[in-house]
Amino acid sequence: MNWKQLDKLNIVEEIKTKSAEYPILIFKHSTRCSISSMALNRLERAWKAELSESSEAYLLDLIKNREISNAVASTFDVAHQSPQVLVIKDGKCVYHNSHMGISFQEISQQLASVA
């Protein structure tokens, strides 16, 4: 899986703009949380290369980038969770889930439905 790092505040606005062209996946990851590590690992193992052709995936390290995490929550009107996935399309969060609800099957269906 080819993650782009969400490590600068201005990238949140770039994601909003880019999402008019194709869906964007954001994974909010806590490096101190075993559930977050497990969810990330499951997603990376299941990821299909063709999804990278029709979408972009961003990884947000919550420990290092709390301000950016807050901006994501505010910009896309989604309460902060960790771990958490968001699918952004046309500048809006069209899907989000957290913890054990993070499912590759659901994410891939959401990405395909808004592509």
N, C-alpha and C. Protein backbone atom coordinates (compact mmCIF):
# COMPACT_ATOMS: atom_id res chain seq x y z
N MET A 1 0.85 -1.17 0.00
CA MET A 1 0.00 0.00 0.00
C MET A 1 0.89 1.23 0.00
N ASN A 2 0.53 2.19 -0.81
CA ASN A 2 1.35 3.38 -0.97
C ASN A 2 0.71 4.56 -0.23
N TRP A 3 1.06 4.69 1.06
CA TRP A 3 0.52 5.77 1.88
C TRP A 3 1.21 7.09 1.56
N LYS A 4 0.44 8.15 1.51
CA LYS A 4 0.98 9.50 1.52
C LYS A 4 0.86 9.96 2.96
N GLN A 5 1.83 10.72 3.42
CA GLN A 5 1.82 11.17 4.81
C GLN A 5 0.99 12.45 4.94
N LEU A 6 0.08 12.43 5.89
CA LEU A 6 -0.70 13.62 6.22
C LEU A 6 -0.01 14.26 7.41
N ASP A 7 1.02 15.05 7.10
CA ASP A 7 1.88 15.59 8.15
C ASP A 7 2.05 17.11 8.10
N LYS A 8 1.22 17.75 7.28
CA LYS A 8 1.23 19.21 7.19
C LYS A 8 -0.22 19.68 7.13
N LEU A 9 -0.49 20.75 7.80
CA LEU A 9 -1.85 21.27 7.90
C LEU A 9 -2.45 21.59 6.53
N ASN A 10 -1.66 22.13 5.61
CA ASN A 10 -2.18 22.51 4.30
C ASN A 10 -2.63 21.30 3.47
N ILE A 11 -2.18 20.11 3.82
CA ILE A 11 -2.59 18.90 3.08
C ILE A 11 -4.07 18.63 3.28
N VAL A 12 -4.63 19.04 4.41
CA VAL A 12 -6.07 18.84 4.65
C VAL A 12 -6.87 19.58 3.56
N GLU A 13 -6.49 20.78 3.25
CA GLU A 13 -7.17 21.53 2.18
C GLU A 13 -6.91 20.91 0.81
N GLU A 14 -5.70 20.41 0.59
CA GLU A 14 -5.39 19.72 -0.67
C GLU A 14 -6.28 18.50 -0.84
N ILE A 15 -6.48 17.75 0.24
CA ILE A 15 -7.35 16.57 0.19
C ILE A 15 -8.77 16.98 -0.18
N LYS A 16 -9.24 18.04 0.42
CA LYS A 16 -10.58 18.53 0.14
C LYS A 16 -10.72 18.85 -1.35
N THR A 17 -9.72 19.52 -1.91
CA THR A 17 -9.73 19.88 -3.33
C THR A 17 -9.61 18.65 -4.23
N LYS A 18 -8.65 17.78 -3.94
CA LYS A 18 -8.44 16.58 -4.75
C LYS A 18 -9.66 15.66 -4.75
N SER A 19 -10.41 15.68 -3.66
CA SER A 19 -11.54 14.76 -3.55
C SER A 19 -12.66 15.07 -4.54
N ALA A 20 -12.58 16.19 -5.24
CA ALA A 20 -13.53 16.48 -6.31
C ALA A 20 -13.26 15.59 -7.51
N GLU A 21 -12.01 15.12 -7.64
CA GLU A 21 -11.62 14.28 -8.77
C GLU A 21 -11.72 12.79 -8.48
N TYR A 22 -11.37 12.40 -7.26
CA TYR A 22 -11.37 10.99 -6.88
C TYR A 22 -11.46 10.89 -5.36
N PRO A 23 -11.91 9.75 -4.85
CA PRO A 23 -12.04 9.61 -3.39
C PRO A 23 -10.68 9.52 -2.70
N ILE A 24 -10.66 10.01 -1.48
CA ILE A 24 -9.46 10.02 -0.65
C ILE A 24 -9.75 9.23 0.63
N LEU A 25 -8.84 8.34 0.99
CA LEU A 25 -8.92 7.60 2.24
C LEU A 25 -7.95 8.22 3.23
N ILE A 26 -8.42 8.48 4.44
CA ILE A 26 -7.55 8.94 5.52
C ILE A 26 -7.61 7.90 6.62
N PHE A 27 -6.44 7.44 7.06
CA PHE A 27 -6.35 6.53 8.20
C PHE A 27 -5.68 7.30 9.33
N LYS A 28 -6.43 7.52 10.41
CA LYS A 28 -5.89 8.20 11.59
C LYS A 28 -5.36 7.13 12.53
N HIS A 29 -4.04 7.11 12.68
CA HIS A 29 -3.34 6.03 13.37
C HIS A 29 -2.64 6.52 14.63
N SER A 30 -2.86 5.80 15.71
CA SER A 30 -2.12 6.06 16.95
C SER A 30 -1.03 5.00 17.08
N THR A 31 0.21 5.44 17.05
CA THR A 31 1.34 4.51 17.13
C THR A 31 1.46 3.87 18.51
N ARG A 32 0.71 4.35 19.48
CA ARG A 32 0.74 3.79 20.83
C ARG A 32 -0.40 2.82 21.12
N CYS A 33 -1.23 2.56 20.13
CA CYS A 33 -2.44 1.77 20.33
C CYS A 33 -2.37 0.46 19.56
N SER A 34 -2.50 -0.65 20.25
CA SER A 34 -2.42 -1.96 19.59
C SER A 34 -3.61 -2.19 18.66
N ILE A 35 -4.78 -1.67 19.00
CA ILE A 35 -5.94 -1.81 18.11
C ILE A 35 -5.69 -1.06 16.81
N SER A 36 -5.10 0.12 16.91
CA SER A 36 -4.79 0.90 15.72
C SER A 36 -3.78 0.16 14.84
N SER A 37 -2.75 -0.41 15.46
CA SER A 37 -1.75 -1.17 14.71
C SER A 37 -2.37 -2.37 14.02
N MET A 38 -3.27 -3.06 14.71
CA MET A 38 -3.93 -4.22 14.13
C MET A 38 -4.81 -3.81 12.95
N ALA A 39 -5.59 -2.74 13.11
CA ALA A 39 -6.47 -2.28 12.03
C ALA A 39 -5.67 -1.84 10.81
N LEU A 40 -4.57 -1.14 11.05
CA LEU A 40 -3.70 -0.71 9.95
C LEU A 40 -3.11 -1.92 9.23
N ASN A 41 -2.64 -2.88 9.98
CA ASN A 41 -2.05 -4.09 9.40
C ASN A 41 -3.07 -4.85 8.56
N ARG A 42 -4.28 -5.02 9.07
CA ARG A 42 -5.33 -5.73 8.32
C ARG A 42 -5.65 -5.01 7.02
N LEU A 43 -5.74 -3.68 7.08
CA LEU A 43 -6.04 -2.90 5.89
C LEU A 43 -4.92 -3.02 4.86
N GLU A 44 -3.68 -2.91 5.31
CA GLU A 44 -2.54 -3.00 4.38
C GLU A 44 -2.44 -4.38 3.74
N ARG A 45 -2.71 -5.43 4.48
CA ARG A 45 -2.65 -6.79 3.92
C ARG A 45 -3.74 -7.03 2.88
N ALA A 46 -4.90 -6.43 3.06
CA ALA A 46 -6.03 -6.67 2.17
C ALA A 46 -6.07 -5.71 0.97
N TRP A 47 -5.34 -4.62 1.05
CA TRP A 47 -5.39 -3.58 0.02
C TRP A 47 -5.08 -4.15 -1.36
N LYS A 48 -5.84 -3.71 -2.35
CA LYS A 48 -5.66 -4.14 -3.74
C LYS A 48 -5.04 -2.99 -4.54
N ALA A 49 -4.10 -3.33 -5.39
CA ALA A 49 -3.38 -2.32 -6.16
C ALA A 49 -4.31 -1.45 -6.99
N GLU A 50 -5.38 -2.01 -7.50
CA GLU A 50 -6.29 -1.22 -8.35
C GLU A 50 -6.98 -0.09 -7.58
N LEU A 51 -7.08 -0.23 -6.27
CA LEU A 51 -7.65 0.87 -5.48
C LEU A 51 -6.73 2.08 -5.49
N SER A 52 -5.44 1.85 -5.59
CA SER A 52 -4.47 2.95 -5.65
C SER A 52 -4.55 3.69 -6.98
N GLU A 53 -5.13 3.05 -7.98
CA GLU A 53 -5.27 3.69 -9.28
C GLU A 53 -6.47 4.63 -9.34
N SER A 54 -7.46 4.41 -8.45
CA SER A 54 -8.67 5.21 -8.49
C SER A 54 -8.90 6.05 -7.23
N SER A 55 -7.94 6.04 -6.33
CA SER A 55 -8.06 6.80 -5.08
C SER A 55 -6.66 7.09 -4.53
N GLU A 56 -6.62 7.90 -3.48
CA GLU A 56 -5.37 8.15 -2.77
C GLU A 56 -5.59 7.82 -1.31
N ALA A 57 -4.53 7.35 -0.65
CA ALA A 57 -4.61 6.99 0.76
C ALA A 57 -3.59 7.80 1.56
N TYR A 58 -4.06 8.41 2.64
CA TYR A 58 -3.22 9.22 3.52
C TYR A 58 -3.19 8.61 4.91
N LEU A 59 -2.01 8.59 5.49
CA LEU A 59 -1.81 8.09 6.84
C LEU A 59 -1.48 9.27 7.74
N LEU A 60 -2.24 9.39 8.83
CA LEU A 60 -2.05 10.47 9.79
C LEU A 60 -1.60 9.89 11.11
N ASP A 61 -0.38 10.22 11.51
CA ASP A 61 0.16 9.80 12.81
C ASP A 61 -0.38 10.77 13.86
N LEU A 62 -1.33 10.29 14.65
CA LEU A 62 -2.01 11.16 15.62
C LEU A 62 -1.09 11.66 16.72
N ILE A 63 -0.11 10.86 17.11
CA ILE A 63 0.79 11.26 18.19
C ILE A 63 1.64 12.45 17.77
N LYS A 64 2.15 12.41 16.56
CA LYS A 64 3.00 13.48 16.07
C LYS A 64 2.22 14.69 15.55
N ASN A 65 0.97 14.47 15.17
CA ASN A 65 0.23 15.50 14.44
C ASN A 65 -1.18 15.73 15.00
N ARG A 66 -1.27 15.99 16.27
CA ARG A 66 -2.59 16.19 16.91
C ARG A 66 -3.33 17.37 16.30
N GLU A 67 -2.62 18.46 15.99
CA GLU A 67 -3.26 19.64 15.40
C GLU A 67 -3.90 19.29 14.05
N ILE A 68 -3.23 18.47 13.27
CA ILE A 68 -3.76 18.07 11.97
C ILE A 68 -4.99 17.17 12.18
N SER A 69 -4.92 16.28 13.15
CA SER A 69 -6.06 15.43 13.47
C SER A 69 -7.28 16.27 13.84
N ASN A 70 -7.06 17.30 14.64
CA ASN A 70 -8.16 18.20 15.00
C ASN A 70 -8.72 18.91 13.77
N ALA A 71 -7.84 19.30 12.85
CA ALA A 71 -8.28 19.97 11.62
C ALA A 71 -9.10 19.02 10.75
N VAL A 72 -8.70 17.75 10.69
CA VAL A 72 -9.46 16.75 9.93
C VAL A 72 -10.86 16.61 10.53
N ALA A 73 -10.93 16.48 11.85
CA ALA A 73 -12.23 16.33 12.53
C ALA A 73 -13.12 17.55 12.25
N SER A 74 -12.55 18.72 12.35
CA SER A 74 -13.31 19.95 12.14
C SER A 74 -13.71 20.14 10.67
N THR A 75 -12.77 19.97 9.77
CA THR A 75 -13.01 20.19 8.34
C THR A 75 -14.07 19.24 7.80
N PHE A 76 -14.02 17.98 8.22
CA PHE A 76 -14.92 16.98 7.67
C PHE A 76 -16.07 16.63 8.61
N ASP A 77 -16.20 17.39 9.70
CA ASP A 77 -17.33 17.28 10.63
C ASP A 77 -17.53 15.84 11.14
N VAL A 78 -16.43 15.25 11.61
CA VAL A 78 -16.45 13.89 12.15
C VAL A 78 -15.76 13.91 13.50
N ALA A 79 -16.42 13.38 14.51
CA ALA A 79 -15.82 13.32 15.84
C ALA A 79 -14.54 12.50 15.81
N HIS A 80 -13.54 12.96 16.53
CA HIS A 80 -12.25 12.28 16.57
C HIS A 80 -12.38 10.89 17.20
N GLN A 81 -11.77 9.92 16.56
CA GLN A 81 -11.63 8.56 17.08
C GLN A 81 -10.23 8.10 16.73
N SER A 82 -9.79 7.06 17.37
CA SER A 82 -8.48 6.49 17.06
C SER A 82 -8.49 5.00 17.40
N PRO A 83 -8.21 4.18 16.42
CA PRO A 83 -7.98 4.48 15.00
C PRO A 83 -9.29 4.84 14.31
N GLN A 84 -9.14 5.48 13.17
CA GLN A 84 -10.32 5.92 12.43
C GLN A 84 -9.98 5.99 10.94
N VAL A 85 -10.95 5.61 10.11
CA VAL A 85 -10.82 5.79 8.67
C VAL A 85 -11.92 6.73 8.20
N LEU A 86 -11.57 7.55 7.22
CA LEU A 86 -12.53 8.44 6.59
C LEU A 86 -12.38 8.31 5.09
N VAL A 87 -13.49 8.34 4.37
CA VAL A 87 -13.47 8.43 2.92
C VAL A 87 -14.02 9.81 2.58
N ILE A 88 -13.23 10.57 1.84
CA ILE A 88 -13.57 11.94 1.48
C ILE A 88 -13.87 12.00 0.00
N LYS A 89 -15.02 12.57 -0.35
CA LYS A 89 -15.38 12.77 -1.76
C LYS A 89 -16.11 14.11 -1.87
N ASP A 90 -15.73 14.88 -2.86
CA ASP A 90 -16.32 16.21 -3.09
C ASP A 90 -16.26 17.10 -1.86
N GLY A 91 -15.14 17.00 -1.14
CA GLY A 91 -14.91 17.86 0.01
C GLY A 91 -15.64 17.47 1.27
N LYS A 92 -16.31 16.31 1.26
CA LYS A 92 -17.08 15.88 2.42
C LYS A 92 -16.72 14.46 2.81
N CYS A 93 -16.87 14.17 4.09
CA CYS A 93 -16.68 12.80 4.55
C CYS A 93 -17.95 12.01 4.22
N VAL A 94 -17.81 11.00 3.36
CA VAL A 94 -18.97 10.20 2.95
C VAL A 94 -19.04 8.87 3.69
N TYR A 95 -17.96 8.56 4.43
CA TYR A 95 -17.92 7.32 5.21
C TYR A 95 -16.85 7.46 6.28
N HIS A 96 -17.14 6.94 7.45
CA HIS A 96 -16.12 6.87 8.49
C HIS A 96 -16.45 5.71 9.42
N ASN A 97 -15.41 5.16 10.01
CA ASN A 97 -15.57 4.09 10.98
C ASN A 97 -14.33 4.07 11.86
N SER A 98 -14.42 3.36 12.96
CA SER A 98 -13.29 3.34 13.88
C SER A 98 -13.16 1.99 14.56
N HIS A 99 -12.04 1.83 15.23
CA HIS A 99 -11.71 0.65 16.03
C HIS A 99 -11.96 -0.64 15.25
N MET A 100 -12.70 -1.56 15.82
CA MET A 100 -12.92 -2.86 15.18
C MET A 100 -13.91 -2.78 14.01
N GLY A 101 -14.50 -1.62 13.82
CA GLY A 101 -15.40 -1.42 12.69
C GLY A 101 -14.66 -1.14 11.39
N ILE A 102 -13.35 -0.97 11.46
CA ILE A 102 -12.56 -0.71 10.26
C ILE A 102 -12.45 -2.00 9.46
N SER A 103 -13.05 -1.99 8.28
CA SER A 103 -13.14 -3.19 7.45
C SER A 103 -12.71 -2.86 6.02
N PHE A 104 -11.76 -3.64 5.50
CA PHE A 104 -11.32 -3.43 4.13
C PHE A 104 -12.50 -3.55 3.17
N GLN A 105 -13.35 -4.53 3.38
CA GLN A 105 -14.48 -4.75 2.48
C GLN A 105 -15.38 -3.51 2.43
N GLU A 106 -15.71 -2.95 3.58
CA GLU A 106 -16.55 -1.75 3.60
C GLU A 106 -15.83 -0.56 2.96
N ILE A 107 -14.56 -0.41 3.26
CA ILE A 107 -13.80 0.71 2.71
C ILE A 107 -13.73 0.60 1.19
N SER A 108 -13.42 -0.58 0.68
CA SER A 108 -13.31 -0.75 -0.77
C SER A 108 -14.66 -0.52 -1.45
N GLN A 109 -15.75 -0.95 -0.82
CA GLN A 109 -17.08 -0.69 -1.38
C GLN A 109 -17.36 0.81 -1.41
N GLN A 110 -17.00 1.51 -0.35
CA GLN A 110 -17.23 2.95 -0.31
C GLN A 110 -16.39 3.68 -1.36
N LEU A 111 -15.13 3.29 -1.50
CA LEU A 111 -14.27 3.92 -2.49
C LEU A 111 -14.82 3.69 -3.89
N ALA A 112 -15.28 2.47 -4.17
CA ALA A 112 -15.82 2.15 -5.49
C ALA A 112 -17.13 2.89 -5.76
N SER A 113 -17.95 3.05 -4.74
CA SER A 113 -19.27 3.67 -4.94
C SER A 113 -19.18 5.17 -5.22
N VAL A 114 -18.10 5.80 -4.79
CA VAL A 114 -17.98 7.26 -5.01
C VAL A 114 -16.93 7.62 -6.06
N ALA A 115 -16.27 6.62 -6.62
CA ALA A 115 -15.21 6.89 -7.61
C ALA A 115 -15.77 7.47 -8.89
